Every structure is written in structure tokens, then in C-alpha cells.
């Protein structure tokens, strides 16, 4: 086998923008979840953070 035919050294080139989009989607999901939890706490308990 010649080295030109091996597929081990090949790396897939992914644009940096793809990683930025994935990070942005994950951040939006976390923020939306936190907002939903805060809203539910406010509507059900009357306060977001209530220390007794």
C-alpha cells in the first residue's frame, strides 16, 4: 500500500462558523430554559428567588 492511498492522515475541514452556530444554538437553548424556569417560578410561587 502506498502512503497516497491511506485515509488515516486525512482530516475533515469544518468551517469555524459551524462551531460558532452550534455554540450560539446551545447558548440560546440554555437561556430559553432558564427564562422558562424563572417564569414558571414567578407564576406558581410569586417570586423567582425567595429566601426564607
PDB file of N, CA and C in Angstrom:
ATOM      1  N   UNK A   1       0.834  -1.177   0.000  1.00  0.00           N
ATOM      2  CA  UNK A   1       0.000   0.000   0.000  1.00  0.00           C
ATOM      3  C   UNK A   1       0.881   1.244   0.000  1.00  0.00           C
ATOM      4  N   UNK A   2       0.540   2.156  -0.826  1.00  0.00           N
ATOM      5  CA  UNK A   2       1.311   3.392  -0.877  1.00  0.00           C
ATOM      6  C   UNK A   2       0.721   4.407   0.115  1.00  0.00           C
ATOM      7  N   UNK A   3       1.551   5.322   0.599  1.00  0.00           N
ATOM      8  CA  UNK A   3       1.044   6.325   1.542  1.00  0.00           C
ATOM      9  C   UNK A   3      -0.006   7.241   0.939  1.00  0.00           C
ATOM     10  N   UNK A   4      -0.023   7.368  -0.366  1.00  0.00           N
ATOM     11  CA  UNK A   4      -1.001   8.252  -1.005  1.00  0.00           C
ATOM     12  C   UNK A   4      -2.411   7.690  -0.907  1.00  0.00           C
ATOM     13  N   UNK A   5      -2.541   6.390  -0.739  1.00  0.00           N
ATOM     14  CA  UNK A   5      -3.857   5.774  -0.713  1.00  0.00           C
ATOM     15  C   UNK A   5      -4.409   5.622   0.708  1.00  0.00           C
ATOM     16  N   UNK A   6      -3.632   5.905   1.720  1.00  0.00           N
ATOM     17  CA  UNK A   6      -4.137   5.727   3.085  1.00  0.00           C
ATOM     18  C   UNK A   6      -5.096   6.864   3.418  1.00  0.00           C
ATOM     19  N   UNK A   7      -6.094   6.544   4.211  1.00  0.00           N
ATOM     20  CA  UNK A   7      -7.094   7.556   4.576  1.00  0.00           C
ATOM     21  C   UNK A   7      -6.950   7.975   6.034  1.00  0.00           C
ATOM     22  N   UNK A   8      -5.910   7.539   6.706  1.00  0.00           N
ATOM     23  CA  UNK A   8      -5.760   7.872   8.117  1.00  0.00           C
ATOM     24  C   UNK A   8      -5.334   9.317   8.332  1.00  0.00           C
ATOM     25  N   UNK A   9      -4.513   9.852   7.499  1.00  0.00           N
ATOM     26  CA  UNK A   9      -3.991  11.190   7.705  1.00  0.00           C
ATOM     27  C   UNK A   9      -4.935  12.294   7.304  1.00  0.00           C
ATOM     28  N   UNK A  10      -6.043  11.959   6.673  1.00  0.00           N
ATOM     29  CA  UNK A  10      -6.985  12.961   6.199  1.00  0.00           C
ATOM     30  C   UNK A  10      -7.843  13.473   7.341  1.00  0.00           C
ATOM     31  N   UNK A  11      -7.957  14.781   7.448  1.00  0.00           N
ATOM     32  CA  UNK A  11      -8.837  15.384   8.443  1.00  0.00           C
ATOM     33  C   UNK A  11      -9.940  16.137   7.710  1.00  0.00           C
ATOM     34  N   UNK A  12     -11.104  16.093   8.283  1.00  0.00           N
ATOM     35  CA  UNK A  12     -12.232  16.789   7.696  1.00  0.00           C
ATOM     36  C   UNK A  12     -12.123  18.261   8.077  1.00  0.00           C
ATOM     37  N   UNK A  13     -12.185  19.109   7.094  1.00  0.00           N
ATOM     38  CA  UNK A  13     -12.098  20.541   7.341  1.00  0.00           C
ATOM     39  C   UNK A  13     -13.497  21.106   7.519  1.00  0.00           C
ATOM     40  N   UNK A  14     -13.772  21.599   8.722  1.00  0.00           N
ATOM     41  CA  UNK A  14     -15.074  22.180   9.023  1.00  0.00           C
ATOM     42  C   UNK A  14     -14.888  23.674   9.221  1.00  0.00           C
ATOM     43  N   UNK A  15     -15.726  24.472   8.618  1.00  0.00           N
ATOM     44  CA  UNK A  15     -15.591  25.924   8.798  1.00  0.00           C
ATOM     45  C   UNK A  15     -15.809  26.325  10.252  1.00  0.00           C
ATOM     46  N   UNK A  16     -15.093  27.367  10.680  1.00  0.00           N
ATOM     47  CA  UNK A  16     -15.223  27.833  12.054  1.00  0.00           C
ATOM     48  C   UNK A  16     -16.619  28.377  12.336  1.00  0.00           C
ATOM     49  N   UNK A  17     -17.291  28.831  11.323  1.00  0.00           N
ATOM     50  CA  UNK A  17     -18.636  29.374  11.515  1.00  0.00           C
ATOM     51  C   UNK A  17     -19.615  28.306  11.993  1.00  0.00           C
ATOM     52  N   UNK A  18     -19.391  27.068  11.623  1.00  0.00           N
ATOM     53  CA  UNK A  18     -20.279  25.991  12.051  1.00  0.00           C
ATOM     54  C   UNK A  18     -20.203  25.818  13.560  1.00  0.00           C
ATOM     55  N   UNK A  19     -19.007  25.850  14.114  1.00  0.00           N
ATOM     56  CA  UNK A  19     -18.853  25.720  15.554  1.00  0.00           C
ATOM     57  C   UNK A  19     -19.482  26.916  16.278  1.00  0.00           C
ATOM     58  N   UNK A  20     -19.377  28.080  15.698  1.00  0.00           N
ATOM     59  CA  UNK A  20     -19.987  29.273  16.288  1.00  0.00           C
ATOM     60  C   UNK A  20     -21.507  29.153  16.294  1.00  0.00           C
ATOM     61  N   UNK A  21     -22.068  28.624  15.246  1.00  0.00           N
ATOM     62  CA  UNK A  21     -23.523  28.442  15.177  1.00  0.00           C
ATOM     63  C   UNK A  21     -23.975  27.410  16.201  1.00  0.00           C
ATOM     64  N   UNK A  22     -23.252  26.320  16.332  1.00  0.00           N
ATOM     65  CA  UNK A  22     -23.605  25.295  17.318  1.00  0.00           C
ATOM     66  C   UNK A  22     -23.538  25.875  18.728  1.00  0.00           C
ATOM     67  N   UNK A  23     -22.505  26.660  19.003  1.00  0.00           N
ATOM     68  CA  UNK A  23     -22.372  27.294  20.313  1.00  0.00           C
ATOM     69  C   UNK A  23     -23.507  28.282  20.560  1.00  0.00           C
ATOM     70  N   UNK A  24     -23.881  29.036  19.561  1.00  0.00           N
ATOM     71  CA  UNK A  24     -24.971  30.009  19.704  1.00  0.00           C
ATOM     72  C   UNK A  24     -26.305  29.302  19.952  1.00  0.00           C
ATOM     73  N   UNK A  25     -26.555  28.215  19.262  1.00  0.00           N
ATOM     74  CA  UNK A  25     -27.796  27.464  19.458  1.00  0.00           C
ATOM     75  C   UNK A  25     -27.848  26.880  20.869  1.00  0.00           C
ATOM     76  N   UNK A  26     -26.728  26.347  21.334  1.00  0.00           N
ATOM     77  CA  UNK A  26     -26.687  25.791  22.689  1.00  0.00           C
ATOM     78  C   UNK A  26     -26.903  26.885  23.731  1.00  0.00           C
ATOM     79  N   UNK A  27     -26.293  28.045  23.537  1.00  0.00           N
ATOM     80  CA  UNK A  27     -26.470  29.152  24.465  1.00  0.00           C
ATOM     81  C   UNK A  27     -27.919  29.625  24.483  1.00  0.00           C
ATOM     82  N   UNK A  28     -28.535  29.726  23.327  1.00  0.00           N
ATOM     83  CA  UNK A  28     -29.941  30.132  23.254  1.00  0.00           C
ATOM     84  C   UNK A  28     -30.851  29.119  23.941  1.00  0.00           C
ATOM     85  N   UNK A  29     -30.544  27.839  23.809  1.00  0.00           N
ATOM     86  CA  UNK A  29     -31.341  26.804  24.469  1.00  0.00           C
ATOM     87  C   UNK A  29     -31.225  26.919  25.988  1.00  0.00           C
ATOM     88  N   UNK A  30     -30.027  27.170  26.491  1.00  0.00           N
ATOM     89  CA  UNK A  30     -29.824  27.318  27.935  1.00  0.00           C
ATOM     90  C   UNK A  30     -30.540  28.563  28.447  1.00  0.00           C
ATOM     91  N   UNK A  31     -30.420  29.676  27.733  1.00  0.00           N
ATOM     92  CA  UNK A  31     -31.088  30.906  28.154  1.00  0.00           C
ATOM     93  C   UNK A  31     -32.610  30.774  28.097  1.00  0.00           C
ATOM     94  N   UNK A  32     -33.115  30.117  27.084  1.00  0.00           N
ATOM     95  CA  UNK A  32     -34.560  29.917  26.984  1.00  0.00           C
ATOM     96  C   UNK A  32     -35.067  29.035  28.116  1.00  0.00           C
ATOM     97  N   UNK A  33     -34.320  28.009  28.465  1.00  0.00           N
ATOM     98  CA  UNK A  33     -34.702  27.131  29.566  1.00  0.00           C
ATOM     99  C   UNK A  33     -34.686  27.886  30.890  1.00  0.00           C
ATOM    100  N   UNK A  34     -33.656  28.681  31.117  1.00  0.00           N
ATOM    101  CA  UNK A  34     -33.580  29.465  32.352  1.00  0.00           C
ATOM    102  C   UNK A  34     -34.724  30.476  32.420  1.00  0.00           C
ATOM    103  N   UNK A  35     -35.054  31.102  31.310  1.00  0.00           N
ATOM    104  CA  UNK A  35     -36.173  32.033  31.272  1.00  0.00           C
ATOM    105  C   UNK A  35     -37.502  31.348  31.547  1.00  0.00           C
ATOM    106  N   UNK A  36     -37.681  30.182  31.000  1.00  0.00           N
ATOM    107  CA  UNK A  36     -38.914  29.420  31.226  1.00  0.00           C
ATOM    108  C   UNK A  36     -39.041  29.012  32.693  1.00  0.00           C
ATOM    109  N   UNK A  37     -37.950  28.557  33.277  1.00  0.00           N
ATOM    110  CA  UNK A  37     -37.974  28.157  34.688  1.00  0.00           C
ATOM    111  C   UNK A  37     -38.263  29.367  35.571  1.00  0.00           C
ATOM    112  N   UNK A  38     -37.637  30.497  35.268  1.00  0.00           N
ATOM    113  CA  UNK A  38     -37.888  31.710  36.048  1.00  0.00           C
ATOM    114  C   UNK A  38     -39.346  32.147  35.913  1.00  0.00           C
ATOM    115  N   UNK A  39     -39.884  32.080  34.720  1.00  0.00           N
ATOM    116  CA  UNK A  39     -41.286  32.460  34.506  1.00  0.00           C
ATOM    117  C   UNK A  39     -42.225  31.530  35.265  1.00  0.00           C
ATOM    118  N   UNK A  40     -41.964  30.236  35.216  1.00  0.00           N
ATOM    119  CA  UNK A  40     -42.815  29.278  35.936  1.00  0.00           C
ATOM    120  C   UNK A  40     -42.724  29.483  37.447  1.00  0.00           C
ATOM    121  N   UNK A  41     -41.542  29.762  37.954  1.00  0.00           N
ATOM    122  CA  UNK A  41     -41.395  30.040  39.388  1.00  0.00           C
ATOM    123  C   UNK A  41     -42.172  31.291  39.769  1.00  0.00           C
ATOM    124  N   UNK A  42     -42.108  32.299  38.922  1.00  0.00           N
ATOM    125  CA  UNK A  42     -42.809  33.548  39.198  1.00  0.00           C
ATOM    126  C   UNK A  42     -44.318  33.343  39.193  1.00  0.00           C
ATOM    127  N   UNK A  43     -44.820  32.591  38.231  1.00  0.00           N
ATOM    128  CA  UNK A  43     -46.271  32.408  38.149  1.00  0.00           C
ATOM    129  C   UNK A  43     -46.785  31.443  39.213  1.00  0.00           C
ATOM    130  N   UNK A  44     -46.025  30.433  39.585  1.00  0.00           N
ATOM    131  CA  UNK A  44     -46.516  29.451  40.547  1.00  0.00           C
ATOM    132  C   UNK A  44     -46.248  29.843  41.995  1.00  0.00           C
ATOM    133  N   UNK A  45     -45.105  30.475  42.257  1.00  0.00           N
ATOM    134  CA  UNK A  45     -44.722  30.772  43.631  1.00  0.00           C
ATOM    135  C   UNK A  45     -44.759  32.264  43.961  1.00  0.00           C
ATOM    136  N   UNK A  46     -44.880  33.119  42.980  1.00  0.00           N
ATOM    137  CA  UNK A  46     -44.953  34.539  43.230  1.00  0.00           C
ATOM    138  C   UNK A  46     -43.628  35.240  43.330  1.00  0.00           C
ATOM    139  N   UNK A  47     -42.544  34.511  43.264  1.00  0.00           N
ATOM    140  CA  UNK A  47     -41.203  35.099  43.314  1.00  0.00           C
ATOM    141  C   UNK A  47     -40.232  34.145  42.629  1.00  0.00           C
ATOM    142  N   UNK A  48     -39.210  34.731  42.045  1.00  0.00           N
ATOM    143  CA  UNK A  48     -38.210  33.889  41.376  1.00  0.00           C
ATOM    144  C   UNK A  48     -37.268  33.283  42.412  1.00  0.00           C
ATOM    145  N   UNK A  49     -36.706  34.146  43.274  1.00  0.00           N
ATOM    146  CA  UNK A  49     -35.828  33.674  44.335  1.00  0.00           C
ATOM    147  C   UNK A  49     -36.414  34.148  45.664  1.00  0.00           C
ATOM    148  N   UNK A  50     -36.877  33.216  46.418  1.00  0.00           N
ATOM    149  CA  UNK A  50     -37.472  33.559  47.704  1.00  0.00           C
ATOM    150  C   UNK A  50     -36.662  32.877  48.799  1.00  0.00           C
ATOM    151  N   UNK A  51     -35.985  33.698  49.587  1.00  0.00           N
ATOM    152  CA  UNK A  51     -35.191  33.164  50.689  1.00  0.00           C
ATOM    153  C   UNK A  51     -35.992  33.356  51.974  1.00  0.00           C
ATOM    154  N   UNK A  52     -36.199  32.272  52.705  1.00  0.00           N
ATOM    155  CA  UNK A  52     -36.976  32.361  53.936  1.00  0.00           C
ATOM    156  C   UNK A  52     -36.102  32.315  55.151  1.00  0.00           C
TER     157      UNK A  52
END
